[in-house]
PDB file of N, CA and C in Angstrom:
ATOM      1  N   MET A   1      -1.383   7.755  17.493  1.00  0.00           N
ATOM      2  CA  MET A   1      -1.487   6.500  16.253  1.00  0.00           C
ATOM      3  C   MET A   1      -1.550   5.065  16.894  1.00  0.00           C
ATOM      4  N   ILE A   2      -2.611   4.729  15.834  1.00  0.00           N
ATOM      5  CA  ILE A   2      -3.488   3.130  16.041  1.00  0.00           C
ATOM      6  C   ILE A   2      -2.293   2.177  16.268  1.00  0.00           C
ATOM      7  N   PRO A   3      -2.950   1.488  17.751  1.00  0.00           N
ATOM      8  CA  PRO A   3      -1.749   0.390  18.151  1.00  0.00           C
ATOM      9  C   PRO A   3      -2.120  -0.392  17.001  1.00  0.00           C
ATOM     10  N   LEU A   4      -0.803  -1.314  17.080  1.00  0.00           N
ATOM     11  CA  LEU A   4      -1.339  -2.537  15.820  1.00  0.00           C
ATOM     12  C   LEU A   4      -1.760  -3.575  16.315  1.00  0.00           C
ATOM     13  N   GLU A   5      -2.214  -3.932  17.923  1.00  0.00           N
ATOM     14  CA  GLU A   5      -3.323  -4.656  17.457  1.00  0.00           C
ATOM     15  C   GLU A   5      -4.585  -4.728  17.064  1.00  0.00           C
ATOM     16  N   HIS A   6      -5.114  -3.494  16.701  1.00  0.00           N
ATOM     17  CA  HIS A   6      -6.069  -3.017  16.078  1.00  0.00           C
ATOM     18  C   HIS A   6      -6.121  -3.212  14.831  1.00  0.00           C
ATOM     19  N   PHE A   7      -4.979  -3.238  14.367  1.00  0.00           N
ATOM     20  CA  PHE A   7      -4.320  -4.228  12.732  1.00  0.00           C
ATOM     21  C   PHE A   7      -4.298  -5.210  12.618  1.00  0.00           C
ATOM     22  N   LEU A   8      -4.245  -5.992  13.509  1.00  0.00           N
ATOM     23  CA  LEU A   8      -4.458  -7.332  13.433  1.00  0.00           C
ATOM     24  C   LEU A   8      -5.584  -8.368  14.066  1.00  0.00           C
ATOM     25  N   LEU A   9      -6.503  -7.217  14.812  1.00  0.00           N
ATOM     26  CA  LEU A   9      -8.072  -7.792  14.655  1.00  0.00           C
ATOM     27  C   LEU A   9      -8.223  -7.215  13.372  1.00  0.00           C
ATOM     28  N   LEU A  10      -7.885  -6.572  13.053  1.00  0.00           N
ATOM     29  CA  LEU A  10      -9.078  -6.557  11.374  1.00  0.00           C
ATOM     30  C   LEU A  10      -8.157  -7.478  10.621  1.00  0.00           C
ATOM     31  N   SER A  11      -7.165  -7.821  10.383  1.00  0.00           N
ATOM     32  CA  SER A  11      -6.699  -9.111   9.908  1.00  0.00           C
ATOM     33  C   SER A  11      -6.912 -10.202   9.930  1.00  0.00           C
ATOM     34  N   ALA A  12      -7.318 -10.146  11.263  1.00  0.00           N
ATOM     35  CA  ALA A  12      -8.054 -11.600  11.660  1.00  0.00           C
ATOM     36  C   ALA A  12      -9.496 -11.774  11.087  1.00  0.00           C
ATOM     37  N   ALA A  13     -10.067 -10.690  11.187  1.00  0.00           N
ATOM     38  CA  ALA A  13     -11.694 -10.813  11.078  1.00  0.00           C
ATOM     39  C   ALA A  13     -11.369 -10.667   9.690  1.00  0.00           C
ATOM     40  N   LEU A  14     -10.970 -10.200   8.487  1.00  0.00           N
ATOM     41  CA  LEU A  14     -10.834 -10.453   7.793  1.00  0.00           C
ATOM     42  C   LEU A  14     -10.577 -11.743   7.297  1.00  0.00           C
ATOM     43  N   PHE A  15      -9.657 -11.972   7.777  1.00  0.00           N
ATOM     44  CA  PHE A  15      -9.079 -13.749   7.232  1.00  0.00           C
ATOM     45  C   PHE A  15      -9.710 -15.076   8.307  1.00  0.00           C
ATOM     46  N   ALA A  16     -10.842 -15.013   8.930  1.00  0.00           N
ATOM     47  CA  ALA A  16     -11.735 -15.741   9.188  1.00  0.00           C
ATOM     48  C   ALA A  16     -12.810 -15.133   8.062  1.00  0.00           C
ATOM     49  N   ILE A  17     -13.184 -14.812   8.327  1.00  0.00           N
ATOM     50  CA  ILE A  17     -14.312 -14.319   7.201  1.00  0.00           C
ATOM     51  C   ILE A  17     -13.881 -14.794   5.946  1.00  0.00           C
ATOM     52  N   GLY A  18     -12.747 -14.903   5.368  1.00  0.00           N
ATOM     53  CA  GLY A  18     -12.419 -15.245   4.397  1.00  0.00           C
ATOM     54  C   GLY A  18     -12.297 -16.649   4.110  1.00  0.00           C
ATOM     55  N   THR A  19     -12.180 -17.338   5.221  1.00  0.00           N
ATOM     56  CA  THR A  19     -12.073 -18.921   4.937  1.00  0.00           C
ATOM     57  C   THR A  19     -13.309 -18.715   5.230  1.00  0.00           C
ATOM     58  N   TYR A  20     -14.033 -18.759   6.361  1.00  0.00           N
ATOM     59  CA  TYR A  20     -15.119 -19.455   5.985  1.00  0.00           C
ATOM     60  C   TYR A  20     -16.063 -18.493   4.660  1.00  0.00           C
ATOM     61  N   GLY A  21     -16.201 -17.597   4.370  1.00  0.00           N
ATOM     62  CA  GLY A  21     -16.375 -18.149   2.447  1.00  0.00           C
ATOM     63  C   GLY A  21     -15.529 -19.213   2.313  1.00  0.00           C
ATOM     64  N   LEU A  22     -14.440 -19.637   1.788  1.00  0.00           N
ATOM     65  CA  LEU A  22     -14.392 -19.900   0.753  1.00  0.00           C
ATOM     66  C   LEU A  22     -14.378 -21.601   1.574  1.00  0.00           C
ATOM     67  N   LEU A  23     -14.836 -21.835   2.551  1.00  0.00           N
ATOM     68  CA  LEU A  23     -14.352 -23.807   3.421  1.00  0.00           C
ATOM     69  C   LEU A  23     -16.345 -23.406   2.769  1.00  0.00           C
ATOM     70  N   ALA A  24     -16.926 -22.086   3.235  1.00  0.00           N
ATOM     71  CA  ALA A  24     -18.850 -22.631   3.274  1.00  0.00           C
ATOM     72  C   ALA A  24     -19.329 -22.157   2.185  1.00  0.00           C
ATOM     73  N   ARG A  25     -19.122 -21.627   0.900  1.00  0.00           N
ATOM     74  CA  ARG A  25     -20.185 -21.371  -0.107  1.00  0.00           C
ATOM     75  C   ARG A  25     -19.208 -22.475  -1.392  1.00  0.00           C
ATOM     76  N   ARG A  26     -20.361 -22.248  -2.210  1.00  0.00           N
ATOM     77  CA  ARG A  26     -20.477 -23.455  -3.142  1.00  0.00           C
ATOM     78  C   ARG A  26     -20.064 -21.949  -4.816  1.00  0.00           C
ATOM     79  N   ASN A  27     -20.398 -21.573  -5.094  1.00  0.00           N
ATOM     80  CA  ASN A  27     -20.298 -20.743  -5.698  1.00  0.00           C
ATOM     81  C   ASN A  27     -18.820 -20.308  -6.664  1.00  0.00           C
ATOM     82  N   ALA A  28     -18.481 -20.036  -7.559  1.00  0.00           N
ATOM     83  CA  ALA A  28     -17.342 -20.013  -8.212  1.00  0.00           C
ATOM     84  C   ALA A  28     -16.382 -18.508  -7.467  1.00  0.00           C
ATOM     85  N   VAL A  29     -17.784 -17.268  -7.864  1.00  0.00           N
ATOM     86  CA  VAL A  29     -17.672 -16.168  -7.834  1.00  0.00           C
ATOM     87  C   VAL A  29     -17.755 -16.004  -6.464  1.00  0.00           C
ATOM     88  N   LEU A  30     -18.357 -16.508  -5.462  1.00  0.00           N
ATOM     89  CA  LEU A  30     -17.712 -15.541  -4.280  1.00  0.00           C
ATOM     90  C   LEU A  30     -16.889 -16.331  -3.863  1.00  0.00           C
ATOM     91  N   VAL A  31     -15.789 -17.687  -3.873  1.00  0.00           N
ATOM     92  CA  VAL A  31     -15.414 -18.155  -3.665  1.00  0.00           C
ATOM     93  C   VAL A  31     -13.773 -17.569  -3.845  1.00  0.00           C
ATOM     94  N   LEU A  32     -13.822 -17.243  -5.092  1.00  0.00           N
ATOM     95  CA  LEU A  32     -12.929 -16.046  -5.527  1.00  0.00           C
ATOM     96  C   LEU A  32     -12.868 -14.700  -4.657  1.00  0.00           C
ATOM     97  N   ILE A  33     -13.957 -14.154  -4.730  1.00  0.00           N
ATOM     98  CA  ILE A  33     -13.932 -13.058  -3.718  1.00  0.00           C
ATOM     99  C   ILE A  33     -13.283 -13.465  -2.049  1.00  0.00           C
ATOM    100  N   SER A  34     -13.870 -14.618  -1.547  1.00  0.00           N
ATOM    101  CA  SER A  34     -12.975 -15.250  -0.127  1.00  0.00           C
ATOM    102  C   SER A  34     -11.985 -15.139  -0.111  1.00  0.00           C
ATOM    103  N   ILE A  35     -11.190 -15.959  -1.259  1.00  0.00           N
ATOM    104  CA  ILE A  35      -9.916 -15.496  -1.839  1.00  0.00           C
ATOM    105  C   ILE A  35      -9.345 -14.118  -1.529  1.00  0.00           C
ATOM    106  N   GLU A  36      -9.616 -13.215  -2.200  1.00  0.00           N
ATOM    107  CA  GLU A  36      -9.529 -12.281  -2.243  1.00  0.00           C
ATOM    108  C   GLU A  36      -9.605 -11.424  -1.091  1.00  0.00           C
ATOM    109  N   LEU A  37     -10.282 -11.721   0.076  1.00  0.00           N
ATOM    110  CA  LEU A  37     -10.460 -11.130   1.221  1.00  0.00           C
ATOM    111  C   LEU A  37      -8.930 -11.705   2.625  1.00  0.00           C
ATOM    112  N   LEU A  38      -8.916 -13.210   1.946  1.00  0.00           N
ATOM    113  CA  LEU A  38      -7.490 -13.544   2.169  1.00  0.00           C
ATOM    114  C   LEU A  38      -6.321 -13.320   1.920  1.00  0.00           C
ATOM    115  N   LEU A  39      -6.330 -12.321   0.910  1.00  0.00           N
ATOM    116  CA  LEU A  39      -5.100 -12.165   0.238  1.00  0.00           C
ATOM    117  C   LEU A  39      -5.250 -10.456   0.760  1.00  0.00           C
ATOM    118  N   ASN A  40      -6.089  -9.970   1.231  1.00  0.00           N
ATOM    119  CA  ASN A  40      -5.884  -8.599   1.706  1.00  0.00           C
ATOM    120  C   ASN A  40      -5.497  -8.586   3.144  1.00  0.00           C
ATOM    121  N   ALA A  41      -6.176  -9.669   3.838  1.00  0.00           N
ATOM    122  CA  ALA A  41      -5.870  -9.839   5.202  1.00  0.00           C
ATOM    123  C   ALA A  41      -3.570  -9.626   5.644  1.00  0.00           C
ATOM    124  N   VAL A  42      -3.621 -10.305   4.677  1.00  0.00           N
ATOM    125  CA  VAL A  42      -2.269 -10.793   4.367  1.00  0.00           C
ATOM    126  C   VAL A  42      -1.201  -9.770   4.189  1.00  0.00           C
ATOM    127  N   ALA A  43      -1.917  -8.240   2.945  1.00  0.00           N
ATOM    128  CA  ALA A  43      -1.451  -7.709   3.002  1.00  0.00           C
ATOM    129  C   ALA A  43      -1.972  -6.857   3.621  1.00  0.00           C
ATOM    130  N   ILE A  44      -2.837  -6.577   4.689  1.00  0.00           N
ATOM    131  CA  ILE A  44      -2.673  -5.142   5.958  1.00  0.00           C
ATOM    132  C   ILE A  44      -1.746  -5.825   6.937  1.00  0.00           C
ATOM    133  N   ASN A  45      -1.124  -7.095   6.641  1.00  0.00           N
ATOM    134  CA  ASN A  45      -0.559  -7.345   8.426  1.00  0.00           C
ATOM    135  C   ASN A  45       0.519  -7.233   7.979  1.00  0.00           C
ATOM    136  N   LEU A  46       1.474  -7.471   6.784  1.00  0.00           N
ATOM    137  CA  LEU A  46       2.303  -6.839   6.104  1.00  0.00           C
ATOM    138  C   LEU A  46       2.737  -5.331   5.925  1.00  0.00           C
ATOM    139  N   VAL A  47       1.679  -4.769   5.691  1.00  0.00           N
ATOM    140  CA  VAL A  47       2.052  -3.173   5.845  1.00  0.00           C
ATOM    141  C   VAL A  47       1.823  -2.936   7.378  1.00  0.00           C
ATOM    142  N   ALA A  48       0.904  -3.251   8.360  1.00  0.00           N
ATOM    143  CA  ALA A  48       1.702  -3.227   9.969  1.00  0.00           C
ATOM    144  C   ALA A  48       2.337  -3.127  10.658  1.00  0.00           C
ATOM    145  N   PHE A  49       3.181  -4.714  10.200  1.00  0.00           N
ATOM    146  CA  PHE A  49       4.170  -4.860  10.816  1.00  0.00           C
ATOM    147  C   PHE A  49       5.430  -4.089  10.257  1.00  0.00           C
ATOM    148  N   ALA A  50       5.388  -3.868   8.670  1.00  0.00           N
ATOM    149  CA  ALA A  50       6.408  -2.918   8.693  1.00  0.00           C
ATOM    150  C   ALA A  50       6.583  -1.355   8.951  1.00  0.00           C
ATOM    151  N   THR A  51       5.185  -0.851   8.770  1.00  0.00           N
ATOM    152  CA  THR A  51       5.075   0.006   9.741  1.00  0.00           C
ATOM    153  C   THR A  51       5.499   0.332  11.133  1.00  0.00           C
ATOM    154  N   TYR A  52       5.257  -0.660  11.668  1.00  0.00           N
ATOM    155  CA  TYR A  52       5.123  -0.818  13.466  1.00  0.00           C
ATOM    156  C   TYR A  52       7.123  -0.855  13.354  1.00  0.00           C
ATOM    157  N   LEU A  53       7.488  -2.143  12.775  1.00  0.00           N
ATOM    158  CA  LEU A  53       9.077  -2.329  13.822  1.00  0.00           C
ATOM    159  C   LEU A  53      10.214  -1.661  12.646  1.00  0.00           C
ATOM    160  N   ASP A  54       9.717  -0.854  11.545  1.00  0.00           N
ATOM    161  CA  ASP A  54      11.082   0.023  10.786  1.00  0.00           C
ATOM    162  C   ASP A  54       9.862   1.023  10.221  1.00  0.00           C
ATOM    163  N   PRO A  55       9.955   1.827  10.701  1.00  0.00           N
ATOM    164  CA  PRO A  55       8.970   2.866  10.038  1.00  0.00           C
ATOM    165  C   PRO A  55       9.783   3.374   8.355  1.00  0.00           C
ATOM    166  N   GLY A  56      10.986   3.517   8.486  1.00  0.00           N
ATOM    167  CA  GLY A  56      11.791   4.419   8.010  1.00  0.00           C
ATOM    168  C   GLY A  56      12.229   3.076   6.639  1.00  0.00           C
ATOM    169  N   ARG A  57      11.609   2.322   6.657  1.00  0.00           N
ATOM    170  CA  ARG A  57      11.822   0.909   5.605  1.00  0.00           C
ATOM    171  C   ARG A  57      10.748   0.460   4.658  1.00  0.00           C
ATOM    172  N   VAL A  58      10.405   0.685   3.695  1.00  0.00           N
ATOM    173  CA  VAL A  58       9.273   0.342   2.936  1.00  0.00           C
ATOM    174  C   VAL A  58       9.318  -0.864   1.890  1.00  0.00           C
ATOM    175  N   ALA A  59       9.665  -2.105   3.246  1.00  0.00           N
ATOM    176  CA  ALA A  59       9.312  -3.777   2.225  1.00  0.00           C
ATOM    177  C   ALA A  59       8.811  -4.289   2.420  1.00  0.00           C
ATOM    178  N   GLY A  60       8.122  -3.742   3.807  1.00  0.00           N
ATOM    179  CA  GLY A  60       6.517  -4.472   3.759  1.00  0.00           C
ATOM    180  C   GLY A  60       5.353  -3.906   3.191  1.00  0.00           C
ATOM    181  N   ILE A  61       5.652  -3.030   2.646  1.00  0.00           N
ATOM    182  CA  ILE A  61       4.394  -2.462   1.960  1.00  0.00           C
ATOM    183  C   ILE A  61       5.069  -2.264   0.452  1.00  0.00           C
ATOM    184  N   ILE A  62       6.382  -2.814   0.005  1.00  0.00           N
ATOM    185  CA  ILE A  62       6.239  -3.418  -1.435  1.00  0.00           C
ATOM    186  C   ILE A  62       5.959  -4.489  -1.675  1.00  0.00           C
ATOM    187  N   ILE A  63       6.286  -5.822  -0.663  1.00  0.00           N
ATOM    188  CA  ILE A  63       5.709  -6.318  -0.281  1.00  0.00           C
ATOM    189  C   ILE A  63       4.258  -6.575  -0.800  1.00  0.00           C
ATOM    190  N   ALA A  64       3.492  -5.471  -0.211  1.00  0.00           N
ATOM    191  CA  ALA A  64       2.127  -5.316   0.148  1.00  0.00           C
ATOM    192  C   ALA A  64       1.549  -5.247  -1.723  1.00  0.00           C
ATOM    193  N   ILE A  65       2.688  -4.242  -1.973  1.00  0.00           N
ATOM    194  CA  ILE A  65       2.164  -3.532  -3.535  1.00  0.00           C
ATOM    195  C   ILE A  65       1.980  -5.709  -4.457  1.00  0.00           C
ATOM    196  N   PHE A  66       2.977  -5.815  -4.102  1.00  0.00           N
ATOM    197  CA  PHE A  66       3.083  -7.249  -5.368  1.00  0.00           C
ATOM    198  C   PHE A  66       2.000  -7.912  -4.763  1.00  0.00           C
ATOM    199  N   VAL A  67       2.138  -8.056  -3.492  1.00  0.00           N
ATOM    200  CA  VAL A  67       0.632  -9.378  -2.847  1.00  0.00           C
ATOM    201  C   VAL A  67      -0.752  -9.032  -3.952  1.00  0.00           C
ATOM    202  N   ILE A  68      -1.181  -7.695  -3.912  1.00  0.00           N
ATOM    203  CA  ILE A  68      -2.337  -6.938  -4.130  1.00  0.00           C
ATOM    204  C   ILE A  68      -2.527  -7.144  -6.065  1.00  0.00           C
ATOM    205  N   THR A  69      -0.526  -7.071  -6.047  1.00  0.00           N
ATOM    206  CA  THR A  69      -0.362  -7.231  -7.919  1.00  0.00           C
ATOM    207  C   THR A  69      -0.381  -8.976  -7.984  1.00  0.00           C
ATOM    208  N   ILE A  70      -1.328  -9.487  -7.526  1.00  0.00           N
ATOM    209  CA  ILE A  70      -0.866 -11.160  -7.703  1.00  0.00           C
ATOM    210  C   ILE A  70      -2.711 -11.484  -7.454  1.00  0.00           C
ATOM    211  N   ALA A  71      -3.032 -10.529  -6.455  1.00  0.00           N
ATOM    212  CA  ALA A  71      -4.451 -10.974  -6.924  1.00  0.00           C
ATOM    213  C   ALA A  71      -5.183 -10.266  -7.605  1.00  0.00           C
ATOM    214  N   ALA A  72      -4.468  -9.466  -8.344  1.00  0.00           N
ATOM    215  CA  ALA A  72      -5.625  -8.886  -9.042  1.00  0.00           C
ATOM    216  C   ALA A  72      -5.076  -9.619 -10.241  1.00  0.00           C
ATOM    217  N   ALA A  73      -3.903  -9.972 -10.714  1.00  0.00           N
ATOM    218  CA  ALA A  73      -4.013 -11.486 -11.655  1.00  0.00           C
ATOM    219  C   ALA A  73      -4.428 -12.566 -11.406  1.00  0.00           C
ATOM    220  N   GLU A  74      -4.657 -13.398 -10.123  1.00  0.00           N
ATOM    221  CA  GLU A  74      -5.733 -13.651  -9.969  1.00  0.00           C
ATOM    222  C   GLU A  74      -7.097 -13.657  -9.871  1.00  0.00           C
ATOM    223  N   LEU A  75      -7.559 -12.403  -9.704  1.00  0.00           N
ATOM    224  CA  LEU A  75      -8.750 -12.397  -9.698  1.00  0.00           C
ATOM    225  C   LEU A  75      -9.753 -12.455 -11.865  1.00  0.00           C
ATOM    226  N   GLY A  76      -8.410 -11.722 -11.781  1.00  0.00           N
ATOM    227  CA  GLY A  76      -8.824 -11.720 -13.477  1.00  0.00           C
ATOM    228  C   GLY A  76      -8.398 -13.061 -14.201  1.00  0.00           C
ATOM    229  N   LEU A  77      -8.254 -14.015 -13.881  1.00  0.00           N
ATOM    230  CA  LEU A  77      -7.828 -15.058 -14.625  1.00  0.00           C
ATOM    231  C   LEU A  77      -8.880 -16.267 -13.878  1.00  0.00           C
ATOM    232  N   GLY A  78      -9.330 -16.264 -13.002  1.00  0.00           N
ATOM    233  CA  GLY A  78     -10.120 -16.746 -12.338  1.00  0.00           C
ATOM    234  C   GLY A  78     -11.763 -16.553 -12.384  1.00  0.00           C
ATOM    235  N   LEU A  79     -11.788 -14.938 -13.242  1.00  0.00           N
ATOM    236  CA  LEU A  79     -13.089 -14.887 -13.611  1.00  0.00           C
ATOM    237  C   LEU A  79     -13.562 -15.219 -14.757  1.00  0.00           C
ATOM    238  N   ALA A  80     -12.215 -15.332 -15.899  1.00  0.00           N
ATOM    239  CA  ALA A  80     -12.451 -16.082 -17.125  1.00  0.00           C
ATOM    240  C   ALA A  80     -12.846 -17.363 -16.957  1.00  0.00           C
ATOM    241  N   ILE A  81     -12.269 -18.061 -16.038  1.00  0.00           N
ATOM    242  CA  ILE A  81     -12.078 -19.752 -16.209  1.00  0.00           C
ATOM    243  C   ILE A  81     -13.873 -19.438 -15.217  1.00  0.00           C
ATOM    244  N   VAL A  82     -14.314 -18.643 -14.364  1.00  0.00           N
ATOM    245  CA  VAL A  82     -15.423 -18.414 -14.505  1.00  0.00           C
ATOM    246  C   VAL A  82     -16.656 -18.172 -15.857  1.00  0.00           C
ATOM    247  N   LEU A  83     -16.406 -17.310 -16.596  1.00  0.00           N
ATOM    248  CA  LEU A  83     -16.979 -17.024 -17.522  1.00  0.00           C
ATOM    249  C   LEU A  83     -17.645 -18.348 -18.502  1.00  0.00           C
ATOM    250  N   ARG A  84     -15.899 -18.474 -18.872  1.00  0.00           N
ATOM    251  CA  ARG A  84     -15.643 -19.968 -19.579  1.00  0.00           C
ATOM    252  C   ARG A  84     -17.033 -20.931 -19.497  1.00  0.00           C
ATOM    253  N   VAL A  85     -16.795 -21.261 -17.705  1.00  0.00           N
ATOM    254  CA  VAL A  85     -17.305 -22.784 -17.424  1.00  0.00           C
ATOM    255  C   VAL A  85     -18.853 -22.329 -17.584  1.00  0.00           C
ATOM    256  N   TYR A  86     -19.876 -20.808 -17.352  1.00  0.00           N
ATOM    257  CA  TYR A  86     -20.707 -20.803 -17.129  1.00  0.00           C
ATOM    258  C   TYR A  86     -21.433 -21.112 -18.323  1.00  0.00           C
ATOM    259  N   ARG A  87     -20.368 -20.900 -19.477  1.00  0.00           N
ATOM    260  CA  ARG A  87     -21.045 -20.265 -21.071  1.00  0.00           C
ATOM    261  C   ARG A  87     -21.098 -22.440 -20.922  1.00  0.00           C
ATOM    262  N   LEU A  88     -20.303 -23.123 -20.815  1.00  0.00           N
ATOM    263  CA  LEU A  88     -20.345 -24.284 -21.067  1.00  0.00           C
ATOM    264  C   LEU A  88     -21.327 -25.318 -20.706  1.00  0.00           C
ATOM    265  N   ARG A  89     -21.157 -24.969 -19.028  1.00  0.00           N
ATOM    266  CA  ARG A  89     -22.381 -25.921 -18.459  1.00  0.00           C
ATOM    267  C   ARG A  89     -23.368 -24.790 -17.740  1.00  0.00           C
ATOM    268  N   SER A  90     -23.623 -23.628 -17.855  1.00  0.00           N
ATOM    269  CA  SER A  90     -24.816 -22.931 -17.290  1.00  0.00           C
ATOM    270  C   SER A  90     -24.685 -23.248 -15.824  1.00  0.00           C
ATOM    271  N   SER A  91     -23.399 -22.549 -15.399  1.00  0.00           N
ATOM    272  CA  SER A  91     -23.639 -23.173 -13.823  1.00  0.00           C
ATOM    273  C   SER A  91     -22.206 -22.693 -13.190  1.00  0.00           C
ATOM    274  N   VAL A  92     -21.749 -22.085 -11.990  1.00  0.00           N
ATOM    275  CA  VAL A  92     -20.791 -22.234 -11.540  1.00  0.00           C
ATOM    276  C   VAL A  92     -20.814 -22.161 -10.525  1.00  0.00           C
ATOM    277  N   ASN A  93     -21.596 -23.247  -9.728  1.00  0.00           N
ATOM    278  CA  ASN A  93     -21.289 -24.176  -8.637  1.00  0.00           C
ATOM    279  C   ASN A  93     -19.970 -25.095  -8.804  1.00  0.00           C
ATOM    280  N   VAL A  94     -18.901 -24.842  -7.957  1.00  0.00           N
ATOM    281  CA  VAL A  94     -17.828 -26.328  -8.128  1.00  0.00           C
ATOM    282  C   VAL A  94     -18.349 -27.167  -7.477  1.00  0.00           C
ATOM    283  N   ASP A  95     -19.729 -27.713  -7.118  1.00  0.00           N
ATOM    284  CA  ASP A  95     -19.621 -29.059  -6.988  1.00  0.00           C
ATOM    285  C   ASP A  95     -19.876 -29.723  -7.895  1.00  0.00           C
ATOM    286  N   GLU A  96     -20.652 -29.016  -8.867  1.00  0.00           N
ATOM    287  CA  GLU A  96     -21.162 -28.922 -10.105  1.00  0.00           C
ATOM    288  C   GLU A  96     -20.141 -29.663 -11.159  1.00  0.00           C
ATOM    289  N   VAL A  97     -18.889 -28.796 -11.017  1.00  0.00           N
ATOM    290  CA  VAL A  97     -17.056 -28.679 -12.219  1.00  0.00           C
ATOM    291  C   VAL A  97     -16.895 -29.935 -11.423  1.00  0.00           C
ATOM    292  N   ASP A  98     -16.839 -31.124 -11.603  1.00  0.00           N
ATOM    293  CA  ASP A  98     -15.293 -31.325 -11.001  1.00  0.00           C
ATOM    294  C   ASP A  98     -14.716 -32.195 -12.308  1.00  0.00           C
ATOM    295  N   THR A  99     -14.906 -31.632 -13.270  1.00  0.00           N
ATOM    296  CA  THR A  99     -14.178 -32.411 -14.029  1.00  0.00           C
ATOM    297  C   THR A  99     -13.565 -31.180 -14.976  1.00  0.00           C
ATOM    298  N   LEU A 100     -12.327 -31.083 -15.743  1.00  0.00           N
ATOM    299  CA  LEU A 100     -11.983 -30.211 -16.667  1.00  0.00           C
ATOM    300  C   LEU A 100     -12.102 -30.905 -17.903  1.00  0.00           C
ATOM    301  N   ARG A 101     -12.523 -31.845 -18.421  1.00  0.00           N
ATOM    302  CA  ARG A 101     -12.998 -31.818 -19.582  1.00  0.00           C
ATOM    303  C   ARG A 101     -14.423 -31.759 -19.790  1.00  0.00           C
ATOM    304  N   TRP A 102     -14.849 -31.113 -21.452  1.00  0.00           N
ATOM    305  CA  TRP A 102     -16.038 -30.664 -22.010  1.00  0.00           C
ATOM    306  C   TRP A 102     -16.991 -32.268 -21.793  1.00  0.00           C
TER     307      TRP A 102
END
């Protein structure tokens, strides 16, 4: 069995990469991908702790599936907004999109 620390290190690495991408990138699509990395790191933590603390229960796995579902909905809505902004302004740079008015 793989030790819990390996899952925690993987989750911490994903969370760090996602945080860096969220703070350093100006492209809206890359910001959405960074948010997905953050949410996947949380899902890995939930599944790892649920498996190691109480292997017979599936509560952590159900919550992780809920997190993945919310992440997919967030990505779909975010990409729809990014496509709309690109059609209106011909740019997806988050610094250039400073107001929601046309």
